[in-house]
Amino acid sequence: ACSYTIIVGNVIWRSNPFKGLTSRALGYVGKISYGVYMYHPMLLIGILAVNHKWGFPVSGFIPNLSLFIICIAAAITIATISYKYIELPFLRLRSKYR
C-alpha cells in the first residue's frame, strides 16, 4: 500500500513517476529481491514461533512494529547472504556459457 501511494503521488506531482525512486538502497533491494521473496515466509514463521515460545506479546503497535522490523532485517540479511554465496555463482556460471 505504501509503495502504491508513493508511485501514485509521483505520477500526480512529477512528469517521470520513477525519478525520485532511484537510489542505491532501492537498487540493492531490487537485486536481492528474489531472496527476500523466497526467505521471508520461512523467517516470519520461525520468528513468530520463537516469539510464541518465549511468550512475548504479539498484540499492540510496538510489538507488531518490532516484529516487522526484525523480520525485514532478517530477510534482507539472509537474502544478501544467499545472493552472495548461492545466486551469484550461478549467475557467473550462466554468463560463462553464453
PDB file of N, CA and C in Angstrom:
ATOM      1  N   ALA A   1       0.825  -1.189   0.000  1.00  0.00           N
ATOM      2  CA  ALA A   1       0.000   0.000   0.000  1.00  0.00           C
ATOM      3  C   ALA A   1       0.873   1.258   0.000  1.00  0.00           C
ATOM      4  N   CYS A   2       1.962   1.223   0.778  1.00  0.00           N
ATOM      5  CA  CYS A   2       2.854   2.384   0.839  1.00  0.00           C
ATOM      6  C   CYS A   2       3.552   2.606  -0.490  1.00  0.00           C
ATOM      7  N   SER A   3       4.014   1.545  -1.108  1.00  0.00           N
ATOM      8  CA  SER A   3       4.676   1.682  -2.414  1.00  0.00           C
ATOM      9  C   SER A   3       3.712   2.223  -3.453  1.00  0.00           C
ATOM     10  N   TYR A   4       2.501   1.718  -3.448  1.00  0.00           N
ATOM     11  CA  TYR A   4       1.488   2.187  -4.388  1.00  0.00           C
ATOM     12  C   TYR A   4       1.209   3.673  -4.180  1.00  0.00           C
ATOM     13  N   THR A   5       1.107   4.110  -2.942  1.00  0.00           N
ATOM     14  CA  THR A   5       0.864   5.524  -2.644  1.00  0.00           C
ATOM     15  C   THR A   5       2.017   6.392  -3.131  1.00  0.00           C
ATOM     16  N   ILE A   6       3.244   5.938  -2.944  1.00  0.00           N
ATOM     17  CA  ILE A   6       4.400   6.705  -3.414  1.00  0.00           C
ATOM     18  C   ILE A   6       4.395   6.821  -4.933  1.00  0.00           C
ATOM     19  N   ILE A   7       4.120   5.719  -5.619  1.00  0.00           N
ATOM     20  CA  ILE A   7       4.107   5.742  -7.083  1.00  0.00           C
ATOM     21  C   ILE A   7       2.989   6.634  -7.593  1.00  0.00           C
ATOM     22  N   VAL A   8       1.796   6.528  -7.038  1.00  0.00           N
ATOM     23  CA  VAL A   8       0.684   7.377  -7.479  1.00  0.00           C
ATOM     24  C   VAL A   8       0.986   8.842  -7.199  1.00  0.00           C
ATOM     25  N   GLY A   9       1.571   9.130  -6.050  1.00  0.00           N
ATOM     26  CA  GLY A   9       1.951  10.510  -5.741  1.00  0.00           C
ATOM     27  C   GLY A   9       2.985  11.044  -6.713  1.00  0.00           C
ATOM     28  N   ASN A  10       3.949  10.219  -7.090  1.00  0.00           N
ATOM     29  CA  ASN A  10       4.940  10.640  -8.070  1.00  0.00           C
ATOM     30  C   ASN A  10       4.325  10.858  -9.441  1.00  0.00           C
ATOM     31  N   VAL A  11       3.359  10.046  -9.820  1.00  0.00           N
ATOM     32  CA  VAL A  11       2.691  10.230 -11.110  1.00  0.00           C
ATOM     33  C   VAL A  11       1.916  11.544 -11.121  1.00  0.00           C
ATOM     34  N   ILE A  12       1.296  11.861 -10.008  1.00  0.00           N
ATOM     35  CA  ILE A  12       0.487  13.079  -9.949  1.00  0.00           C
ATOM     36  C   ILE A  12       1.375  14.326  -9.956  1.00  0.00           C
ATOM     37  N   TRP A  13       2.454  14.331  -9.176  1.00  0.00           N
ATOM     38  CA  TRP A  13       3.228  15.556  -8.999  1.00  0.00           C
ATOM     39  C   TRP A  13       4.488  15.669  -9.861  1.00  0.00           C
ATOM     40  N   ARG A  14       4.846  14.638 -10.585  1.00  0.00           N
ATOM     41  CA  ARG A  14       6.046  14.689 -11.423  1.00  0.00           C
ATOM     42  C   ARG A  14       5.728  14.164 -12.814  1.00  0.00           C
ATOM     43  N   SER A  15       6.559  14.566 -13.755  1.00  0.00           N
ATOM     44  CA  SER A  15       6.367  14.049 -15.104  1.00  0.00           C
ATOM     45  C   SER A  15       6.927  12.623 -15.227  1.00  0.00           C
ATOM     46  N   ASN A  16       7.994  12.311 -14.510  1.00  0.00           N
ATOM     47  CA  ASN A  16       8.575  10.977 -14.515  1.00  0.00           C
ATOM     48  C   ASN A  16       8.286  10.329 -13.162  1.00  0.00           C
ATOM     49  N   PRO A  17       7.391   9.336 -13.109  1.00  0.00           N
ATOM     50  CA  PRO A  17       6.973   8.796 -11.819  1.00  0.00           C
ATOM     51  C   PRO A  17       8.069   8.071 -11.048  1.00  0.00           C
ATOM     52  N   PHE A  18       9.101   7.581 -11.716  1.00  0.00           N
ATOM     53  CA  PHE A  18      10.122   6.810 -11.026  1.00  0.00           C
ATOM     54  C   PHE A  18      11.400   7.604 -10.798  1.00  0.00           C
ATOM     55  N   LYS A  19      11.394   8.893 -11.102  1.00  0.00           N
ATOM     56  CA  LYS A  19      12.596   9.715 -10.972  1.00  0.00           C
ATOM     57  C   LYS A  19      13.064   9.789  -9.519  1.00  0.00           C
ATOM     58  N   GLY A  20      12.172   9.979  -8.597  1.00  0.00           N
ATOM     59  CA  GLY A  20      12.537  10.096  -7.186  1.00  0.00           C
ATOM     60  C   GLY A  20      12.757   8.758  -6.503  1.00  0.00           C
ATOM     61  N   LEU A  21      12.510   7.668  -7.206  1.00  0.00           N
ATOM     62  CA  LEU A  21      12.608   6.353  -6.588  1.00  0.00           C
ATOM     63  C   LEU A  21      13.917   5.641  -6.904  1.00  0.00           C
ATOM     64  N   THR A  22      14.832   6.305  -7.577  1.00  0.00           N
ATOM     65  CA  THR A  22      16.101   5.671  -7.902  1.00  0.00           C
ATOM     66  C   THR A  22      17.117   6.009  -6.815  1.00  0.00           C
ATOM     67  N   SER A  23      17.601   5.003  -6.176  1.00  0.00           N
ATOM     68  CA  SER A  23      18.627   5.180  -5.164  1.00  0.00           C
ATOM     69  C   SER A  23      19.419   3.886  -5.051  1.00  0.00           C
ATOM     70  N   ARG A  24      20.565   3.963  -4.421  1.00  0.00           N
ATOM     71  CA  ARG A  24      21.376   2.765  -4.244  1.00  0.00           C
ATOM     72  C   ARG A  24      20.666   1.727  -3.384  1.00  0.00           C
ATOM     73  N   ALA A  25      19.989   2.182  -2.335  1.00  0.00           N
ATOM     74  CA  ALA A  25      19.308   1.246  -1.436  1.00  0.00           C
ATOM     75  C   ALA A  25      18.211   0.486  -2.169  1.00  0.00           C
ATOM     76  N   LEU A  26      17.405   1.191  -2.942  1.00  0.00           N
ATOM     77  CA  LEU A  26      16.339   0.515  -3.681  1.00  0.00           C
ATOM     78  C   LEU A  26      16.910  -0.385  -4.762  1.00  0.00           C
ATOM     79  N   GLY A  27      17.996   0.032  -5.393  1.00  0.00           N
ATOM     80  CA  GLY A  27      18.641  -0.808  -6.394  1.00  0.00           C
ATOM     81  C   GLY A  27      19.171  -2.097  -5.786  1.00  0.00           C
ATOM     82  N   TYR A  28      19.749  -1.978  -4.591  1.00  0.00           N
ATOM     83  CA  TYR A  28      20.268  -3.162  -3.913  1.00  0.00           C
ATOM     84  C   TYR A  28      19.147  -4.098  -3.494  1.00  0.00           C
ATOM     85  N   VAL A  29      18.073  -3.547  -2.956  1.00  0.00           N
ATOM     86  CA  VAL A  29      16.937  -4.384  -2.567  1.00  0.00           C
ATOM     87  C   VAL A  29      16.330  -5.044  -3.809  1.00  0.00           C
ATOM     88  N   GLY A  30      16.338  -4.341  -4.931  1.00  0.00           N
ATOM     89  CA  GLY A  30      15.880  -4.941  -6.180  1.00  0.00           C
ATOM     90  C   GLY A  30      16.764  -6.095  -6.612  1.00  0.00           C
ATOM     91  N   LYS A  31      18.059  -5.981  -6.364  1.00  0.00           N
ATOM     92  CA  LYS A  31      18.999  -7.038  -6.741  1.00  0.00           C
ATOM     93  C   LYS A  31      18.777  -8.297  -5.906  1.00  0.00           C
ATOM     94  N   ILE A  32      18.493  -8.130  -4.636  1.00  0.00           N
ATOM     95  CA  ILE A  32      18.311  -9.287  -3.752  1.00  0.00           C
ATOM     96  C   ILE A  32      16.838  -9.634  -3.545  1.00  0.00           C
ATOM     97  N   SER A  33      15.950  -9.037  -4.319  1.00  0.00           N
ATOM     98  CA  SER A  33      14.513  -9.189  -4.082  1.00  0.00           C
ATOM     99  C   SER A  33      14.033 -10.630  -4.196  1.00  0.00           C
ATOM    100  N   TYR A  34      14.639 -11.416  -5.069  1.00  0.00           N
ATOM    101  CA  TYR A  34      14.211 -12.820  -5.170  1.00  0.00           C
ATOM    102  C   TYR A  34      14.477 -13.555  -3.851  1.00  0.00           C
ATOM    103  N   GLY A  35      15.632 -13.306  -3.245  1.00  0.00           N
ATOM    104  CA  GLY A  35      15.932 -13.926  -1.961  1.00  0.00           C
ATOM    105  C   GLY A  35      14.983 -13.461  -0.869  1.00  0.00           C
ATOM    106  N   VAL A  36      14.661 -12.180  -0.872  1.00  0.00           N
ATOM    107  CA  VAL A  36      13.699 -11.662   0.116  1.00  0.00           C
ATOM    108  C   VAL A  36      12.356 -12.360  -0.074  1.00  0.00           C
ATOM    109  N   TYR A  37      11.944 -12.489  -1.339  1.00  0.00           N
ATOM    110  CA  TYR A  37      10.674 -13.157  -1.662  1.00  0.00           C
ATOM    111  C   TYR A  37      10.686 -14.617  -1.201  1.00  0.00           C
ATOM    112  N   MET A  38      11.808 -15.306  -1.410  1.00  0.00           N
ATOM    113  CA  MET A  38      11.878 -16.725  -1.085  1.00  0.00           C
ATOM    114  C   MET A  38      11.975 -16.995   0.419  1.00  0.00           C
ATOM    115  N   TYR A  39      12.711 -16.163   1.128  1.00  0.00           N
ATOM    116  CA  TYR A  39      13.007 -16.467   2.527  1.00  0.00           C
ATOM    117  C   TYR A  39      12.066 -15.812   3.535  1.00  0.00           C
ATOM    118  N   HIS A  40      11.358 -14.757   3.149  1.00  0.00           N
ATOM    119  CA  HIS A  40      10.574 -14.056   4.172  1.00  0.00           C
ATOM    120  C   HIS A  40       9.456 -14.890   4.778  1.00  0.00           C
ATOM    121  N   PRO A  41       8.760 -15.787   4.042  1.00  0.00           N
ATOM    122  CA  PRO A  41       7.731 -16.584   4.736  1.00  0.00           C
ATOM    123  C   PRO A  41       8.328 -17.510   5.796  1.00  0.00           C
ATOM    124  N   MET A  42       9.458 -18.147   5.469  1.00  0.00           N
ATOM    125  CA  MET A  42      10.088 -19.050   6.440  1.00  0.00           C
ATOM    126  C   MET A  42      10.584 -18.278   7.659  1.00  0.00           C
ATOM    127  N   LEU A  43      11.173 -17.110   7.413  1.00  0.00           N
ATOM    128  CA  LEU A  43      11.660 -16.296   8.526  1.00  0.00           C
ATOM    129  C   LEU A  43      10.507 -15.811   9.397  1.00  0.00           C
ATOM    130  N   LEU A  44       9.425 -15.394   8.778  1.00  0.00           N
ATOM    131  CA  LEU A  44       8.270 -14.921   9.537  1.00  0.00           C
ATOM    132  C   LEU A  44       7.706 -16.030  10.414  1.00  0.00           C
ATOM    133  N   ILE A  45       7.562 -17.223   9.856  1.00  0.00           N
ATOM    134  CA  ILE A  45       7.043 -18.345  10.640  1.00  0.00           C
ATOM    135  C   ILE A  45       8.003 -18.694  11.778  1.00  0.00           C
ATOM    136  N   GLY A  46       9.299 -18.706  11.481  1.00  0.00           N
ATOM    137  CA  GLY A  46      10.285 -19.021  12.516  1.00  0.00           C
ATOM    138  C   GLY A  46      10.319 -17.987  13.626  1.00  0.00           C
ATOM    139  N   ILE A  47      10.291 -16.715  13.245  1.00  0.00           N
ATOM    140  CA  ILE A  47      10.330 -15.649  14.253  1.00  0.00           C
ATOM    141  C   ILE A  47       9.056 -15.653  15.089  1.00  0.00           C
ATOM    142  N   LEU A  48       7.909 -15.893  14.468  1.00  0.00           N
ATOM    143  CA  LEU A  48       6.659 -15.963  15.229  1.00  0.00           C
ATOM    144  C   LEU A  48       6.645 -17.175  16.156  1.00  0.00           C
ATOM    145  N   ALA A  49       7.230 -18.302  15.719  1.00  0.00           N
ATOM    146  CA  ALA A  49       7.291 -19.493  16.582  1.00  0.00           C
ATOM    147  C   ALA A  49       8.176 -19.237  17.797  1.00  0.00           C
ATOM    148  N   VAL A  50       9.327 -18.611  17.573  1.00  0.00           N
ATOM    149  CA  VAL A  50      10.213 -18.283  18.694  1.00  0.00           C
ATOM    150  C   VAL A  50       9.537 -17.276  19.618  1.00  0.00           C
ATOM    151  N   ASN A  51       8.875 -16.304  19.036  1.00  0.00           N
ATOM    152  CA  ASN A  51       8.170 -15.295  19.825  1.00  0.00           C
ATOM    153  C   ASN A  51       7.074 -15.945  20.673  1.00  0.00           C
ATOM    154  N   HIS A  52       6.355 -16.882  20.091  1.00  0.00           N
ATOM    155  CA  HIS A  52       5.289 -17.563  20.818  1.00  0.00           C
ATOM    156  C   HIS A  52       5.873 -18.440  21.932  1.00  0.00           C
ATOM    157  N   LYS A  53       6.992 -19.103  21.653  1.00  0.00           N
ATOM    158  CA  LYS A  53       7.614 -19.986  22.655  1.00  0.00           C
ATOM    159  C   LYS A  53       8.108 -19.191  23.854  1.00  0.00           C
ATOM    160  N   TRP A  54       8.682 -18.029  23.606  1.00  0.00           N
ATOM    161  CA  TRP A  54       9.201 -17.213  24.693  1.00  0.00           C
ATOM    162  C   TRP A  54       8.125 -16.388  25.378  1.00  0.00           C
ATOM    163  N   GLY A  55       6.936 -16.332  24.814  1.00  0.00           N
ATOM    164  CA  GLY A  55       5.815 -15.679  25.464  1.00  0.00           C
ATOM    165  C   GLY A  55       5.777 -14.165  25.355  1.00  0.00           C
ATOM    166  N   PHE A  56       6.423 -13.609  24.340  1.00  0.00           N
ATOM    167  CA  PHE A  56       6.345 -12.164  24.138  1.00  0.00           C
ATOM    168  C   PHE A  56       4.964 -11.791  23.623  1.00  0.00           C
ATOM    169  N   PRO A  57       4.492 -10.595  23.959  1.00  0.00           N
ATOM    170  CA  PRO A  57       3.184 -10.178  23.459  1.00  0.00           C
ATOM    171  C   PRO A  57       3.211  -9.957  21.946  1.00  0.00           C
ATOM    172  N   VAL A  58       2.124 -10.326  21.291  1.00  0.00           N
ATOM    173  CA  VAL A  58       2.046 -10.146  19.841  1.00  0.00           C
ATOM    174  C   VAL A  58       0.938  -9.180  19.435  1.00  0.00           C
ATOM    175  N   SER A  59       0.278  -8.589  20.399  1.00  0.00           N
ATOM    176  CA  SER A  59      -0.751  -7.612  20.065  1.00  0.00           C
ATOM    177  C   SER A  59      -0.294  -6.234  20.533  1.00  0.00           C
ATOM    178  N   GLY A  60      -0.703  -5.245  19.796  1.00  0.00           N
ATOM    179  CA  GLY A  60      -0.299  -3.878  20.098  1.00  0.00           C
ATOM    180  C   GLY A  60       0.643  -3.345  19.044  1.00  0.00           C
ATOM    181  N   PHE A  61       0.755  -2.035  19.012  1.00  0.00           N
ATOM    182  CA  PHE A  61       1.539  -1.379  17.968  1.00  0.00           C
ATOM    183  C   PHE A  61       3.030  -1.659  18.096  1.00  0.00           C
ATOM    184  N   ILE A  62       3.602  -1.489  19.288  1.00  0.00           N
ATOM    185  CA  ILE A  62       5.052  -1.648  19.469  1.00  0.00           C
ATOM    186  C   ILE A  62       5.504  -3.091  19.233  1.00  0.00           C
ATOM    187  N   PRO A  63       4.832  -4.105  19.787  1.00  0.00           N
ATOM    188  CA  PRO A  63       5.256  -5.481  19.477  1.00  0.00           C
ATOM    189  C   PRO A  63       5.154  -5.819  17.995  1.00  0.00           C
ATOM    190  N   ASN A  64       4.089  -5.387  17.346  1.00  0.00           N
ATOM    191  CA  ASN A  64       3.946  -5.662  15.918  1.00  0.00           C
ATOM    192  C   ASN A  64       4.995  -4.923  15.101  1.00  0.00           C
ATOM    193  N   LEU A  65       5.280  -3.687  15.451  1.00  0.00           N
ATOM    194  CA  LEU A  65       6.306  -2.921  14.744  1.00  0.00           C
ATOM    195  C   LEU A  65       7.674  -3.556  14.929  1.00  0.00           C
ATOM    196  N   SER A  66       7.981  -3.997  16.150  1.00  0.00           N
ATOM    197  CA  SER A  66       9.280  -4.624  16.386  1.00  0.00           C
ATOM    198  C   SER A  66       9.396  -5.946  15.634  1.00  0.00           C
ATOM    199  N   LEU A  67       8.330  -6.746  15.588  1.00  0.00           N
ATOM    200  CA  LEU A  67       8.359  -7.982  14.809  1.00  0.00           C
ATOM    201  C   LEU A  67       8.543  -7.690  13.321  1.00  0.00           C
ATOM    202  N   PHE A  68       7.886  -6.652  12.830  1.00  0.00           N
ATOM    203  CA  PHE A  68       8.018  -6.267  11.429  1.00  0.00           C
ATOM    204  C   PHE A  68       9.455  -5.873  11.117  1.00  0.00           C
ATOM    205  N   ILE A  69      10.065  -5.066  11.962  1.00  0.00           N
ATOM    206  CA  ILE A  69      11.442  -4.619  11.741  1.00  0.00           C
ATOM    207  C   ILE A  69      12.411  -5.800  11.818  1.00  0.00           C
ATOM    208  N   ILE A  70      12.207  -6.691  12.771  1.00  0.00           N
ATOM    209  CA  ILE A  70      13.069  -7.870  12.890  1.00  0.00           C
ATOM    210  C   ILE A  70      12.939  -8.757  11.655  1.00  0.00           C
ATOM    211  N   CYS A  71      11.725  -8.974  11.186  1.00  0.00           N
ATOM    212  CA  CYS A  71      11.506  -9.825  10.005  1.00  0.00           C
ATOM    213  C   CYS A  71      12.127  -9.205   8.757  1.00  0.00           C
ATOM    214  N   ILE A  72      11.961  -7.906   8.564  1.00  0.00           N
ATOM    215  CA  ILE A  72      12.543  -7.245   7.400  1.00  0.00           C
ATOM    216  C   ILE A  72      14.065  -7.305   7.464  1.00  0.00           C
ATOM    217  N   ALA A  73      14.637  -7.016   8.619  1.00  0.00           N
ATOM    218  CA  ALA A  73      16.092  -7.047   8.760  1.00  0.00           C
ATOM    219  C   ALA A  73      16.635  -8.458   8.539  1.00  0.00           C
ATOM    220  N   ALA A  74      15.961  -9.450   9.090  1.00  0.00           N
ATOM    221  CA  ALA A  74      16.403 -10.839   8.903  1.00  0.00           C
ATOM    222  C   ALA A  74      16.278 -11.265   7.449  1.00  0.00           C
ATOM    223  N   ALA A  75      15.199 -10.888   6.784  1.00  0.00           N
ATOM    224  CA  ALA A  75      15.006 -11.255   5.376  1.00  0.00           C
ATOM    225  C   ALA A  75      16.069 -10.620   4.491  1.00  0.00           C
ATOM    226  N   ILE A  76      16.383  -9.359   4.730  1.00  0.00           N
ATOM    227  CA  ILE A  76      17.416  -8.688   3.932  1.00  0.00           C
ATOM    228  C   ILE A  76      18.784  -9.303   4.207  1.00  0.00           C
ATOM    229  N   THR A  77      19.063  -9.639   5.460  1.00  0.00           N
ATOM    230  CA  THR A  77      20.344 -10.250   5.802  1.00  0.00           C
ATOM    231  C   THR A  77      20.491 -11.621   5.144  1.00  0.00           C
ATOM    232  N   ILE A  78      19.484 -12.463   5.278  1.00  0.00           N
ATOM    233  CA  ILE A  78      19.540 -13.805   4.686  1.00  0.00           C
ATOM    234  C   ILE A  78      19.571 -13.716   3.166  1.00  0.00           C
ATOM    235  N   ALA A  79      18.812 -12.798   2.571  1.00  0.00           N
ATOM    236  CA  ALA A  79      18.811 -12.639   1.114  1.00  0.00           C
ATOM    237  C   ALA A  79      20.168 -12.160   0.612  1.00  0.00           C
ATOM    238  N   THR A  80      20.836 -11.307   1.373  1.00  0.00           N
ATOM    239  CA  THR A  80      22.173 -10.842   1.000  1.00  0.00           C
ATOM    240  C   THR A  80      23.159 -12.003   1.010  1.00  0.00           C
ATOM    241  N   ILE A  81      23.116 -12.813   2.040  1.00  0.00           N
ATOM    242  CA  ILE A  81      23.997 -13.978   2.131  1.00  0.00           C
ATOM    243  C   ILE A  81      23.691 -14.956   0.996  1.00  0.00           C
ATOM    244  N   SER A  82      22.413 -15.187   0.744  1.00  0.00           N
ATOM    245  CA  SER A  82      22.009 -16.089  -0.328  1.00  0.00           C
ATOM    246  C   SER A  82      22.468 -15.575  -1.690  1.00  0.00           C
ATOM    247  N   TYR A  83      22.329 -14.286  -1.914  1.00  0.00           N
ATOM    248  CA  TYR A  83      22.748 -13.716  -3.199  1.00  0.00           C
ATOM    249  C   TYR A  83      24.243 -13.877  -3.397  1.00  0.00           C
ATOM    250  N   LYS A  84      24.998 -13.598  -2.358  1.00  0.00           N
ATOM    251  CA  LYS A  84      26.458 -13.637  -2.476  1.00  0.00           C
ATOM    252  C   LYS A  84      26.979 -15.056  -2.656  1.00  0.00           C
ATOM    253  N   TYR A  85      26.455 -16.006  -1.918  1.00  0.00           N
ATOM    254  CA  TYR A  85      27.042 -17.346  -1.904  1.00  0.00           C
ATOM    255  C   TYR A  85      26.281 -18.389  -2.726  1.00  0.00           C
ATOM    256  N   ILE A  86      25.040 -18.127  -3.100  1.00  0.00           N
ATOM    257  CA  ILE A  86      24.281 -19.104  -3.877  1.00  0.00           C
ATOM    258  C   ILE A  86      23.945 -18.566  -5.274  1.00  0.00           C
ATOM    259  N   GLU A  87      23.304 -17.411  -5.337  1.00  0.00           N
ATOM    260  CA  GLU A  87      22.837 -16.904  -6.619  1.00  0.00           C
ATOM    261  C   GLU A  87      23.969 -16.392  -7.508  1.00  0.00           C
ATOM    262  N   LEU A  88      24.886 -15.627  -6.958  1.00  0.00           N
ATOM    263  CA  LEU A  88      25.960 -15.032  -7.752  1.00  0.00           C
ATOM    264  C   LEU A  88      26.831 -16.078  -8.449  1.00  0.00           C
ATOM    265  N   PRO A  89      27.222 -17.181  -7.786  1.00  0.00           N
ATOM    266  CA  PRO A  89      27.978 -18.197  -8.533  1.00  0.00           C
ATOM    267  C   PRO A  89      27.207 -18.771  -9.718  1.00  0.00           C
ATOM    268  N   PHE A  90      25.892 -18.965  -9.573  1.00  0.00           N
ATOM    269  CA  PHE A  90      25.100 -19.448 -10.699  1.00  0.00           C
ATOM    270  C   PHE A  90      24.988 -18.400 -11.802  1.00  0.00           C
ATOM    271  N   LEU A  91      24.878 -17.143 -11.431  1.00  0.00           N
ATOM    272  CA  LEU A  91      24.830 -16.085 -12.438  1.00  0.00           C
ATOM    273  C   LEU A  91      26.150 -15.996 -13.197  1.00  0.00           C
ATOM    274  N   ARG A  92      27.254 -16.155 -12.508  1.00  0.00           N
ATOM    275  CA  ARG A  92      28.555 -16.166 -13.178  1.00  0.00           C
ATOM    276  C   ARG A  92      28.678 -17.374 -14.100  1.00  0.00           C
ATOM    277  N   LEU A  93      28.197 -18.518 -13.652  1.00  0.00           N
ATOM    278  CA  LEU A  93      28.241 -19.722 -14.459  1.00  0.00           C
ATOM    279  C   LEU A  93      27.387 -19.557 -15.716  1.00  0.00           C
ATOM    280  N   ARG A  94      26.258 -18.943 -15.580  1.00  0.00           N
ATOM    281  CA  ARG A  94      25.376 -18.704 -16.716  1.00  0.00           C
ATOM    282  C   ARG A  94      26.061 -17.818 -17.755  1.00  0.00           C
ATOM    283  N   SER A  95      26.696 -16.751 -17.300  1.00  0.00           N
ATOM    284  CA  SER A  95      27.343 -15.854 -18.250  1.00  0.00           C
ATOM    285  C   SER A  95      28.563 -16.497 -18.913  1.00  0.00           C
ATOM    286  N   LYS A  96      29.152 -17.492 -18.255  1.00  0.00           N
ATOM    287  CA  LYS A  96      30.298 -18.203 -18.825  1.00  0.00           C
ATOM    288  C   LYS A  96      29.899 -19.040 -20.034  1.00  0.00           C
ATOM    289  N   TYR A  97      28.693 -19.597 -20.025  1.00  0.00           N
ATOM    290  CA  TYR A  97      28.249 -20.474 -21.092  1.00  0.00           C
ATOM    291  C   TYR A  97      27.403 -19.784 -22.155  1.00  0.00           C
ATOM    292  N   ARG A  98      27.310 -18.509 -22.113  1.00  0.00           N
ATOM    293  CA  ARG A  98      26.549 -17.789 -23.151  1.00  0.00           C
ATOM    294  C   ARG A  98      27.409 -17.483 -24.324  1.00  0.00           C
TER     295      ARG A  98
END
